[in-house]
Amino acid sequence: MAVISSQTDSVMVLEVQTGLTPAGAPILSSRSINVKAAATDQDILDVATAMQALSEYPLISVEREDHFDLVDDAV
């Protein structure tokens, strides 16, 4: 049984440090932003870097989440 997958969308997840706890541990916050599925990894990193320049918080990480629909090709 074969499966057909088709990408539906992508999400860029930015994690920033918004402060420190009283114990000195970082407080992290994340934001998810929909991006075109056709965007390259470099495009996403470039946008994240540009957005970080506008933010008062340091950028900790950038992630890409790709979402797919999976369908049995027998259907």
C-alpha atoms as a PDB file:
ATOM      1  CA  MET A   1       0.000   0.000   0.000  1.00  0.00           C
ATOM      2  CA  ALA A   2       1.578   3.277  -1.113  1.00  0.00           C
ATOM      3  CA  VAL A   3       1.088   6.607   0.560  1.00  0.00           C
ATOM      4  CA  ILE A   4       0.858   9.909  -1.230  1.00  0.00           C
ATOM      5  CA  SER A   5       2.044  12.914   0.758  1.00  0.00           C
ATOM      6  CA  SER A   6       1.419  16.512  -0.173  1.00  0.00           C
ATOM      7  CA  GLN A   7       2.805  19.431   1.747  1.00  0.00           C
ATOM      8  CA  THR A   8       0.076  21.715   3.010  1.00  0.00           C
ATOM      9  CA  ASP A   9       2.003  24.447   4.776  1.00  0.00           C
ATOM     10  CA  SER A  10       5.091  25.382   6.766  1.00  0.00           C
ATOM     11  CA  VAL A  11       5.552  27.198  10.034  1.00  0.00           C
ATOM     12  CA  MET A  12       8.571  29.179  11.218  1.00  0.00           C
ATOM     13  CA  VAL A  13       9.002  28.948  14.988  1.00  0.00           C
ATOM     14  CA  LEU A  14      11.137  31.641  16.629  1.00  0.00           C
ATOM     15  CA  GLU A  15      12.318  31.190  20.198  1.00  0.00           C
ATOM     16  CA  VAL A  16      13.530  34.258  22.080  1.00  0.00           C
ATOM     17  CA  GLN A  17      14.785  34.885  25.589  1.00  0.00           C
ATOM     18  CA  THR A  18      12.481  37.358  27.297  1.00  0.00           C
ATOM     19  CA  GLY A  19      14.236  37.503  30.654  1.00  0.00           C
ATOM     20  CA  LEU A  20      15.638  35.552  33.558  1.00  0.00           C
ATOM     21  CA  THR A  21      14.013  33.806  36.502  1.00  0.00           C
ATOM     22  CA  PRO A  22      15.067  34.834  40.033  1.00  0.00           C
ATOM     23  CA  ALA A  23      17.353  31.794  39.972  1.00  0.00           C
ATOM     24  CA  GLY A  24      19.019  33.041  36.788  1.00  0.00           C
ATOM     25  CA  ALA A  25      17.514  30.542  34.351  1.00  0.00           C
ATOM     26  CA  PRO A  26      16.413  31.920  30.973  1.00  0.00           C
ATOM     27  CA  ILE A  27      12.734  32.629  30.331  1.00  0.00           C
ATOM     28  CA  LEU A  28      11.965  31.556  26.768  1.00  0.00           C
ATOM     29  CA  SER A  29       9.037  32.485  24.563  1.00  0.00           C
ATOM     30  CA  SER A  30       8.186  31.176  21.124  1.00  0.00           C
ATOM     31  CA  ARG A  31       6.220  32.591  18.222  1.00  0.00           C
ATOM     32  CA  SER A  32       4.871  30.587  15.292  1.00  0.00           C
ATOM     33  CA  ILE A  33       4.477  32.274  11.927  1.00  0.00           C
ATOM     34  CA  ASN A  34       2.986  30.659   8.818  1.00  0.00           C
ATOM     35  CA  VAL A  35       5.283  30.736   5.795  1.00  0.00           C
ATOM     36  CA  LYS A  36       4.879  29.513   2.244  1.00  0.00           C
ATOM     37  CA  ALA A  37       5.641  25.844   1.812  1.00  0.00           C
ATOM     38  CA  ALA A  38       7.885  26.758  -1.123  1.00  0.00           C
ATOM     39  CA  ALA A  39      10.129  28.924   1.075  1.00  0.00           C
ATOM     40  CA  THR A  40      13.679  27.602   1.318  1.00  0.00           C
ATOM     41  CA  ASP A  41      15.409  27.045   4.625  1.00  0.00           C
ATOM     42  CA  GLN A  42      17.703  29.976   3.779  1.00  0.00           C
ATOM     43  CA  ASP A  43      14.674  32.219   3.154  1.00  0.00           C
ATOM     44  CA  ILE A  44      13.260  31.335   6.562  1.00  0.00           C
ATOM     45  CA  LEU A  45      16.561  31.959   8.315  1.00  0.00           C
ATOM     46  CA  ASP A  46      16.960  35.299   6.510  1.00  0.00           C
ATOM     47  CA  VAL A  47      13.475  36.408   7.606  1.00  0.00           C
ATOM     48  CA  ALA A  48      14.109  35.271  11.192  1.00  0.00           C
ATOM     49  CA  THR A  49      17.400  37.176  11.271  1.00  0.00           C
ATOM     50  CA  ALA A  50      15.721  40.323   9.913  1.00  0.00           C
ATOM     51  CA  MET A  51      12.912  40.036  12.461  1.00  0.00           C
ATOM     52  CA  GLN A  52      15.416  39.583  15.284  1.00  0.00           C
ATOM     53  CA  ALA A  53      17.026  42.895  14.331  1.00  0.00           C
ATOM     54  CA  LEU A  54      13.665  44.553  15.115  1.00  0.00           C
ATOM     55  CA  SER A  55      13.223  42.796  18.456  1.00  0.00           C
ATOM     56  CA  GLU A  56      14.515  43.770  21.862  1.00  0.00           C
ATOM     57  CA  TYR A  57      14.933  40.080  22.774  1.00  0.00           C
ATOM     58  CA  PRO A  58      17.804  37.819  21.685  1.00  0.00           C
ATOM     59  CA  LEU A  59      16.926  35.075  19.194  1.00  0.00           C
ATOM     60  CA  ILE A  60      17.685  31.652  20.669  1.00  0.00           C
ATOM     61  CA  SER A  61      16.535  29.324  17.895  1.00  0.00           C
ATOM     62  CA  VAL A  62      14.727  29.095  14.568  1.00  0.00           C
ATOM     63  CA  GLU A  63      12.762  25.986  13.616  1.00  0.00           C
ATOM     64  CA  ARG A  64      10.813  24.983  10.541  1.00  0.00           C
ATOM     65  CA  GLU A  65       7.774  22.740  10.825  1.00  0.00           C
ATOM     66  CA  ASP A  66       6.478  21.256   7.571  1.00  0.00           C
ATOM     67  CA  HIS A  67       2.945  19.855   7.562  1.00  0.00           C
ATOM     68  CA  PHE A  68       1.801  17.174   5.137  1.00  0.00           C
ATOM     69  CA  ASP A  69      -1.454  15.471   4.253  1.00  0.00           C
ATOM     70  CA  LEU A  70      -1.030  11.699   3.918  1.00  0.00           C
ATOM     71  CA  VAL A  71      -3.423   9.739   1.715  1.00  0.00           C
ATOM     72  CA  ASP A  72      -3.586   6.070   0.795  1.00  0.00           C
ATOM     73  CA  ASP A  73      -3.172   5.972  -2.999  1.00  0.00           C
ATOM     74  CA  ALA A  74      -5.732   3.151  -3.206  1.00  0.00           C
ATOM     75  CA  VAL A  75      -8.450   5.661  -2.293  1.00  0.00           C
END
